[in-house]
Amino acid sequence: MTNLQQAMDIAEERAYQKRTPSLPPIDDTISTLKSIDWNEMRARGRAGVNNIGLVLAVIGAKLHDLGVLLAEV
C-alpha cells in the first residue's frame, strides 16, 4: 500500500510526463547517431574517395588515348 507522499510523487511524475512528452523520432535519430561507428565510416569514406580517384584516372587515361588517336587522323 502506498502512503500519501508516494501517491503525490506518482501524481507529480505523471503530470510531468504529460507536460513533457517524449519525441520518439528525435530520440531515435539521436540514438542512431550515437550508435554509428565513426572510425569505420571515416575508413569507408576514404576508400570511396580513393575508388572515385581511380575511376577518374582511368577515364582520363582513356580520354587522352582517344585524343592522341584523333590527333593522328
PDB file of N, CA and C in Angstrom:
ATOM      1  N   MET A   1       0.839  -1.178   0.000  1.00  0.00           N
ATOM      2  CA  MET A   1       0.000   0.000   0.000  1.00  0.00           C
ATOM      3  C   MET A   1       0.888   1.247   0.000  1.00  0.00           C
ATOM      4  N   THR A   2       0.470   2.255  -0.707  1.00  0.00           N
ATOM      5  CA  THR A   2       1.278   3.464  -0.792  1.00  0.00           C
ATOM      6  C   THR A   2       0.792   4.495   0.212  1.00  0.00           C
ATOM      7  N   ASN A   3       1.744   5.279   0.665  1.00  0.00           N
ATOM      8  CA  ASN A   3       1.353   6.346   1.583  1.00  0.00           C
ATOM      9  C   ASN A   3       1.079   7.618   0.781  1.00  0.00           C
ATOM     10  N   LEU A   4       0.726   8.668   1.449  1.00  0.00           N
ATOM     11  CA  LEU A   4       0.358   9.909   0.784  1.00  0.00           C
ATOM     12  C   LEU A   4       1.523  10.497  -0.005  1.00  0.00           C
ATOM     13  N   GLN A   5       2.725  10.464   0.544  1.00  0.00           N
ATOM     14  CA  GLN A   5       3.891  11.031  -0.140  1.00  0.00           C
ATOM     15  C   GLN A   5       4.183  10.281  -1.441  1.00  0.00           C
ATOM     16  N   GLN A   6       4.097   8.952  -1.393  1.00  0.00           N
ATOM     17  CA  GLN A   6       4.329   8.168  -2.603  1.00  0.00           C
ATOM     18  C   GLN A   6       3.265   8.456  -3.662  1.00  0.00           C
ATOM     19  N   ALA A   7       2.009   8.593  -3.228  1.00  0.00           N
ATOM     20  CA  ALA A   7       0.930   8.903  -4.157  1.00  0.00           C
ATOM     21  C   ALA A   7       1.142  10.276  -4.789  1.00  0.00           C
ATOM     22  N   MET A   8       1.613  11.240  -4.011  1.00  0.00           N
ATOM     23  CA  MET A   8       1.887  12.579  -4.541  1.00  0.00           C
ATOM     24  C   MET A   8       3.042  12.529  -5.544  1.00  0.00           C
ATOM     25  N   ASP A   9       4.053  11.732  -5.225  1.00  0.00           N
ATOM     26  CA  ASP A   9       5.184  11.584  -6.147  1.00  0.00           C
ATOM     27  C   ASP A   9       4.742  10.971  -7.475  1.00  0.00           C
ATOM     28  N   ILE A  10       3.909   9.959  -7.385  1.00  0.00           N
ATOM     29  CA  ILE A  10       3.404   9.306  -8.601  1.00  0.00           C
ATOM     30  C   ILE A  10       2.584  10.292  -9.431  1.00  0.00           C
ATOM     31  N   ALA A  11       1.714  11.042  -8.774  1.00  0.00           N
ATOM     32  CA  ALA A  11       0.886  12.023  -9.482  1.00  0.00           C
ATOM     33  C   ALA A  11       1.751  13.110 -10.112  1.00  0.00           C
ATOM     34  N   GLU A  12       2.761  13.556  -9.387  1.00  0.00           N
ATOM     35  CA  GLU A  12       3.648  14.587  -9.918  1.00  0.00           C
ATOM     36  C   GLU A  12       4.418  14.066 -11.132  1.00  0.00           C
ATOM     37  N   GLU A  13       4.879  12.844 -11.056  1.00  0.00           N
ATOM     38  CA  GLU A  13       5.610  12.248 -12.175  1.00  0.00           C
ATOM     39  C   GLU A  13       4.707  12.113 -13.398  1.00  0.00           C
ATOM     40  N   ARG A  14       3.480  11.677 -13.218  1.00  0.00           N
ATOM     41  CA  ARG A  14       2.542  11.550 -14.336  1.00  0.00           C
ATOM     42  C   ARG A  14       2.230  12.909 -14.948  1.00  0.00           C
ATOM     43  N   ALA A  15       2.060  13.902 -14.112  1.00  0.00           N
ATOM     44  CA  ALA A  15       1.785  15.253 -14.619  1.00  0.00           C
ATOM     45  C   ALA A  15       2.988  15.778 -15.400  1.00  0.00           C
ATOM     46  N   TYR A  16       4.181  15.500 -14.902  1.00  0.00           N
ATOM     47  CA  TYR A  16       5.396  15.941 -15.605  1.00  0.00           C
ATOM     48  C   TYR A  16       5.510  15.265 -16.966  1.00  0.00           C
ATOM     49  N   GLN A  17       5.205  13.982 -17.022  1.00  0.00           N
ATOM     50  CA  GLN A  17       5.278  13.247 -18.288  1.00  0.00           C
ATOM     51  C   GLN A  17       4.265  13.780 -19.292  1.00  0.00           C
ATOM     52  N   LYS A  18       3.106  14.210 -18.823  1.00  0.00           N
ATOM     53  CA  LYS A  18       2.103  14.775 -19.729  1.00  0.00           C
ATOM     54  C   LYS A  18       2.546  16.138 -20.253  1.00  0.00           C
ATOM     55  N   ARG A  19       3.239  16.916 -19.429  1.00  0.00           N
ATOM     56  CA  ARG A  19       3.704  18.247 -19.848  1.00  0.00           C
ATOM     57  C   ARG A  19       4.887  18.147 -20.783  1.00  0.00           C
ATOM     58  N   THR A  20       5.722  17.143 -20.615  1.00  0.00           N
ATOM     59  CA  THR A  20       6.937  17.000 -21.416  1.00  0.00           C
ATOM     60  C   THR A  20       6.898  15.675 -22.163  1.00  0.00           C
ATOM     61  N   PRO A  21       6.111  15.607 -23.224  1.00  0.00           N
ATOM     62  CA  PRO A  21       6.047  14.341 -23.964  1.00  0.00           C
ATOM     63  C   PRO A  21       7.378  14.057 -24.645  1.00  0.00           C
ATOM     64  N   SER A  22       7.678  12.809 -24.752  1.00  0.00           N
ATOM     65  CA  SER A  22       8.919  12.440 -25.434  1.00  0.00           C
ATOM     66  C   SER A  22       8.720  12.590 -26.939  1.00  0.00           C
ATOM     67  N   LEU A  23       9.799  12.739 -27.634  1.00  0.00           N
ATOM     68  CA  LEU A  23       9.759  12.883 -29.080  1.00  0.00           C
ATOM     69  C   LEU A  23      10.458  11.676 -29.699  1.00  0.00           C
ATOM     70  N   PRO A  24       9.727  10.593 -29.934  1.00  0.00           N
ATOM     71  CA  PRO A  24      10.357   9.361 -30.414  1.00  0.00           C
ATOM     72  C   PRO A  24      11.186   9.519 -31.682  1.00  0.00           C
ATOM     73  N   PRO A  25      10.730  10.262 -32.705  1.00  0.00           N
ATOM     74  CA  PRO A  25      11.582  10.366 -33.894  1.00  0.00           C
ATOM     75  C   PRO A  25      12.927  11.023 -33.596  1.00  0.00           C
ATOM     76  N   ILE A  26      12.904  12.054 -32.770  1.00  0.00           N
ATOM     77  CA  ILE A  26      14.154  12.734 -32.424  1.00  0.00           C
ATOM     78  C   ILE A  26      15.015  11.833 -31.544  1.00  0.00           C
ATOM     79  N   ASP A  27      14.386  11.175 -30.582  1.00  0.00           N
ATOM     80  CA  ASP A  27      15.134  10.258 -29.717  1.00  0.00           C
ATOM     81  C   ASP A  27      15.753   9.125 -30.521  1.00  0.00           C
ATOM     82  N   ASP A  28      14.992   8.593 -31.490  1.00  0.00           N
ATOM     83  CA  ASP A  28      15.516   7.516 -32.334  1.00  0.00           C
ATOM     84  C   ASP A  28      16.693   8.007 -33.174  1.00  0.00           C
ATOM     85  N   THR A  29      16.565   9.221 -33.692  1.00  0.00           N
ATOM     86  CA  THR A  29      17.650   9.787 -34.506  1.00  0.00           C
ATOM     87  C   THR A  29      18.907   9.973 -33.678  1.00  0.00           C
ATOM     88  N   ILE A  30      18.745  10.501 -32.485  1.00  0.00           N
ATOM     89  CA  ILE A  30      19.902  10.727 -31.610  1.00  0.00           C
ATOM     90  C   ILE A  30      20.557   9.402 -31.249  1.00  0.00           C
ATOM     91  N   SER A  31      19.769   8.412 -30.892  1.00  0.00           N
ATOM     92  CA  SER A  31      20.351   7.117 -30.524  1.00  0.00           C
ATOM     93  C   SER A  31      21.018   6.451 -31.728  1.00  0.00           C
ATOM     94  N   THR A  32      20.458   6.652 -32.917  1.00  0.00           N
ATOM     95  CA  THR A  32      21.085   6.090 -34.122  1.00  0.00           C
ATOM     96  C   THR A  32      22.425   6.752 -34.384  1.00  0.00           C
ATOM     97  N   LEU A  33      22.478   8.072 -34.251  1.00  0.00           N
ATOM     98  CA  LEU A  33      23.740   8.780 -34.469  1.00  0.00           C
ATOM     99  C   LEU A  33      24.789   8.386 -33.442  1.00  0.00           C
ATOM    100  N   LYS A  34      24.358   8.137 -32.210  1.00  0.00           N
ATOM    101  CA  LYS A  34      25.312   7.730 -31.174  1.00  0.00           C
ATOM    102  C   LYS A  34      25.828   6.315 -31.400  1.00  0.00           C
ATOM    103  N   SER A  35      25.036   5.482 -32.083  1.00  0.00           N
ATOM    104  CA  SER A  35      25.449   4.089 -32.277  1.00  0.00           C
ATOM    105  C   SER A  35      26.330   3.891 -33.512  1.00  0.00           C
ATOM    106  N   ILE A  36      26.552   4.942 -34.295  1.00  0.00           N
ATOM    107  CA  ILE A  36      27.375   4.820 -35.501  1.00  0.00           C
ATOM    108  C   ILE A  36      28.848   4.727 -35.112  1.00  0.00           C
ATOM    109  N   ASP A  37      29.553   3.807 -35.748  1.00  0.00           N
ATOM    110  CA  ASP A  37      31.000   3.680 -35.553  1.00  0.00           C
ATOM    111  C   ASP A  37      31.678   4.659 -36.517  1.00  0.00           C
ATOM    112  N   TRP A  38      32.054   5.826 -36.005  1.00  0.00           N
ATOM    113  CA  TRP A  38      32.566   6.894 -36.858  1.00  0.00           C
ATOM    114  C   TRP A  38      33.929   6.560 -37.446  1.00  0.00           C
ATOM    115  N   ASN A  39      34.724   5.742 -36.772  1.00  0.00           N
ATOM    116  CA  ASN A  39      36.018   5.332 -37.339  1.00  0.00           C
ATOM    117  C   ASN A  39      35.809   4.480 -38.592  1.00  0.00           C
ATOM    118  N   GLU A  40      34.830   3.583 -38.530  1.00  0.00           N
ATOM    119  CA  GLU A  40      34.521   2.758 -39.700  1.00  0.00           C
ATOM    120  C   GLU A  40      33.977   3.622 -40.841  1.00  0.00           C
ATOM    121  N   MET A  41      33.126   4.595 -40.508  1.00  0.00           N
ATOM    122  CA  MET A  41      32.587   5.482 -41.538  1.00  0.00           C
ATOM    123  C   MET A  41      33.690   6.299 -42.202  1.00  0.00           C
ATOM    124  N   ARG A  42      34.661   6.743 -41.413  1.00  0.00           N
ATOM    125  CA  ARG A  42      35.791   7.501 -41.956  1.00  0.00           C
ATOM    126  C   ARG A  42      36.596   6.621 -42.919  1.00  0.00           C
ATOM    127  N   ALA A  43      36.839   5.382 -42.523  1.00  0.00           N
ATOM    128  CA  ALA A  43      37.601   4.460 -43.381  1.00  0.00           C
ATOM    129  C   ALA A  43      36.839   4.157 -44.671  1.00  0.00           C
ATOM    130  N   ARG A  44      35.528   3.960 -44.554  1.00  0.00           N
ATOM    131  CA  ARG A  44      34.728   3.684 -45.745  1.00  0.00           C
ATOM    132  C   ARG A  44      34.670   4.907 -46.657  1.00  0.00           C
ATOM    133  N   GLY A  45      34.603   6.088 -46.076  1.00  0.00           N
ATOM    134  CA  GLY A  45      34.602   7.311 -46.876  1.00  0.00           C
ATOM    135  C   GLY A  45      35.900   7.497 -47.636  1.00  0.00           C
ATOM    136  N   ARG A  46      37.012   7.242 -46.953  1.00  0.00           N
ATOM    137  CA  ARG A  46      38.309   7.348 -47.624  1.00  0.00           C
ATOM    138  C   ARG A  46      38.437   6.331 -48.748  1.00  0.00           C
ATOM    139  N   ALA A  47      37.958   5.123 -48.510  1.00  0.00           N
ATOM    140  CA  ALA A  47      38.009   4.094 -49.560  1.00  0.00           C
ATOM    141  C   ALA A  47      37.155   4.511 -50.750  1.00  0.00           C
ATOM    142  N   GLY A  48      36.004   5.119 -50.485  1.00  0.00           N
ATOM    143  CA  GLY A  48      35.134   5.573 -51.568  1.00  0.00           C
ATOM    144  C   GLY A  48      35.783   6.680 -52.384  1.00  0.00           C
ATOM    145  N   VAL A  49      36.423   7.632 -51.696  1.00  0.00           N
ATOM    146  CA  VAL A  49      37.113   8.708 -52.407  1.00  0.00           C
ATOM    147  C   VAL A  49      38.265   8.137 -53.222  1.00  0.00           C
ATOM    148  N   ASN A  50      38.956   7.154 -52.669  1.00  0.00           N
ATOM    149  CA  ASN A  50      40.046   6.509 -53.402  1.00  0.00           C
ATOM    150  C   ASN A  50      39.521   5.840 -54.667  1.00  0.00           C
ATOM    151  N   ASN A  51      38.392   5.156 -54.564  1.00  0.00           N
ATOM    152  CA  ASN A  51      37.807   4.498 -55.739  1.00  0.00           C
ATOM    153  C   ASN A  51      37.403   5.518 -56.799  1.00  0.00           C
ATOM    154  N   ILE A  52      36.842   6.629 -56.377  1.00  0.00           N
ATOM    155  CA  ILE A  52      36.465   7.675 -57.329  1.00  0.00           C
ATOM    156  C   ILE A  52      37.710   8.211 -58.030  1.00  0.00           C
ATOM    157  N   GLY A  53      38.786   8.400 -57.288  1.00  0.00           N
ATOM    158  CA  GLY A  53      40.041   8.865 -57.885  1.00  0.00           C
ATOM    159  C   GLY A  53      40.573   7.893 -58.912  1.00  0.00           C
ATOM    160  N   LEU A  54      40.486   6.608 -58.624  1.00  0.00           N
ATOM    161  CA  LEU A  54      40.948   5.604 -59.588  1.00  0.00           C
ATOM    162  C   LEU A  54      40.112   5.627 -60.862  1.00  0.00           C
ATOM    163  N   VAL A  55      38.802   5.756 -60.709  1.00  0.00           N
ATOM    164  CA  VAL A  55      37.920   5.808 -61.880  1.00  0.00           C
ATOM    165  C   VAL A  55      38.244   7.039 -62.719  1.00  0.00           C
ATOM    166  N   LEU A  56      38.442   8.180 -62.076  1.00  0.00           N
ATOM    167  CA  LEU A  56      38.786   9.399 -62.813  1.00  0.00           C
ATOM    168  C   LEU A  56      40.127   9.257 -63.530  1.00  0.00           C
ATOM    169  N   ALA A  57      41.082   8.605 -62.892  1.00  0.00           N
ATOM    170  CA  ALA A  57      42.388   8.412 -63.531  1.00  0.00           C
ATOM    171  C   ALA A  57      42.268   7.528 -64.772  1.00  0.00           C
ATOM    172  N   VAL A  58      41.489   6.463 -64.677  1.00  0.00           N
ATOM    173  CA  VAL A  58      41.308   5.568 -65.823  1.00  0.00           C
ATOM    174  C   VAL A  58      40.574   6.299 -66.946  1.00  0.00           C
ATOM    175  N   ILE A  59      39.522   7.038 -66.606  1.00  0.00           N
ATOM    176  CA  ILE A  59      38.787   7.793 -67.624  1.00  0.00           C
ATOM    177  C   ILE A  59      39.703   8.831 -68.272  1.00  0.00           C
ATOM    178  N   GLY A  60      40.525   9.500 -67.462  1.00  0.00           N
ATOM    179  CA  GLY A  60      41.463  10.482 -68.010  1.00  0.00           C
ATOM    180  C   GLY A  60      42.454   9.846 -68.961  1.00  0.00           C
ATOM    181  N   ALA A  61      42.969   8.678 -68.611  1.00  0.00           N
ATOM    182  CA  ALA A  61      43.928   7.986 -69.488  1.00  0.00           C
ATOM    183  C   ALA A  61      43.266   7.576 -70.798  1.00  0.00           C
ATOM    184  N   LYS A  62      42.052   7.056 -70.718  1.00  0.00           N
ATOM    185  CA  LYS A  62      41.337   6.649 -71.937  1.00  0.00           C
ATOM    186  C   LYS A  62      40.999   7.864 -72.798  1.00  0.00           C
ATOM    187  N   LEU A  63      40.634   8.964 -72.164  1.00  0.00           N
ATOM    188  CA  LEU A  63      40.338  10.185 -72.901  1.00  0.00           C
ATOM    189  C   LEU A  63      41.596  10.716 -73.590  1.00  0.00           C
ATOM    190  N   HIS A  64      42.724  10.605 -72.913  1.00  0.00           N
ATOM    191  CA  HIS A  64      43.991  11.027 -73.523  1.00  0.00           C
ATOM    192  C   HIS A  64      44.326  10.149 -74.727  1.00  0.00           C
ATOM    193  N   ASP A  65      44.147   8.834 -74.584  1.00  0.00           N
ATOM    194  CA  ASP A  65      44.386   7.918 -75.698  1.00  0.00           C
ATOM    195  C   ASP A  65      43.482   8.252 -76.885  1.00  0.00           C
ATOM    196  N   LEU A  66      42.229   8.580 -76.592  1.00  0.00           N
ATOM    197  CA  LEU A  66      41.307   8.969 -77.661  1.00  0.00           C
ATOM    198  C   LEU A  66      41.762  10.251 -78.324  1.00  0.00           C
ATOM    199  N   GLY A  67      42.254  11.210 -77.537  1.00  0.00           N
ATOM    200  CA  GLY A  67      42.752  12.454 -78.101  1.00  0.00           C
ATOM    201  C   GLY A  67      43.963  12.222 -78.994  1.00  0.00           C
ATOM    202  N   VAL A  68      44.868  11.338 -78.580  1.00  0.00           N
ATOM    203  CA  VAL A  68      46.028  11.007 -79.394  1.00  0.00           C
ATOM    204  C   VAL A  68      45.586  10.343 -80.684  1.00  0.00           C
ATOM    205  N   LEU A  69      44.640   9.431 -80.599  1.00  0.00           N
ATOM    206  CA  LEU A  69      44.115   8.747 -81.787  1.00  0.00           C
ATOM    207  C   LEU A  69      43.486   9.757 -82.755  1.00  0.00           C
ATOM    208  N   LEU A  70      42.690  10.678 -82.232  1.00  0.00           N
ATOM    209  CA  LEU A  70      42.050  11.669 -83.094  1.00  0.00           C
ATOM    210  C   LEU A  70      43.059  12.651 -83.684  1.00  0.00           C
ATOM    211  N   ALA A  71      44.146  12.906 -82.961  1.00  0.00           N
ATOM    212  CA  ALA A  71      45.169  13.817 -83.481  1.00  0.00           C
ATOM    213  C   ALA A  71      45.909  13.204 -84.651  1.00  0.00           C
ATOM    214  N   GLU A  72      45.992  11.884 -84.722  1.00  0.00           N
ATOM    215  CA  GLU A  72      46.709  11.209 -85.804  1.00  0.00           C
ATOM    216  C   GLU A  72      45.871  11.100 -87.069  1.00  0.00           C
ATOM    217  N   VAL A  73      44.580  11.323 -86.979  1.00  0.00           N
ATOM    218  CA  VAL A  73      43.695  11.164 -88.139  1.00  0.00           C
ATOM    219  C   VAL A  73      43.851  12.312 -89.094  1.00  0.00           C
TER     220      VAL A  73
END
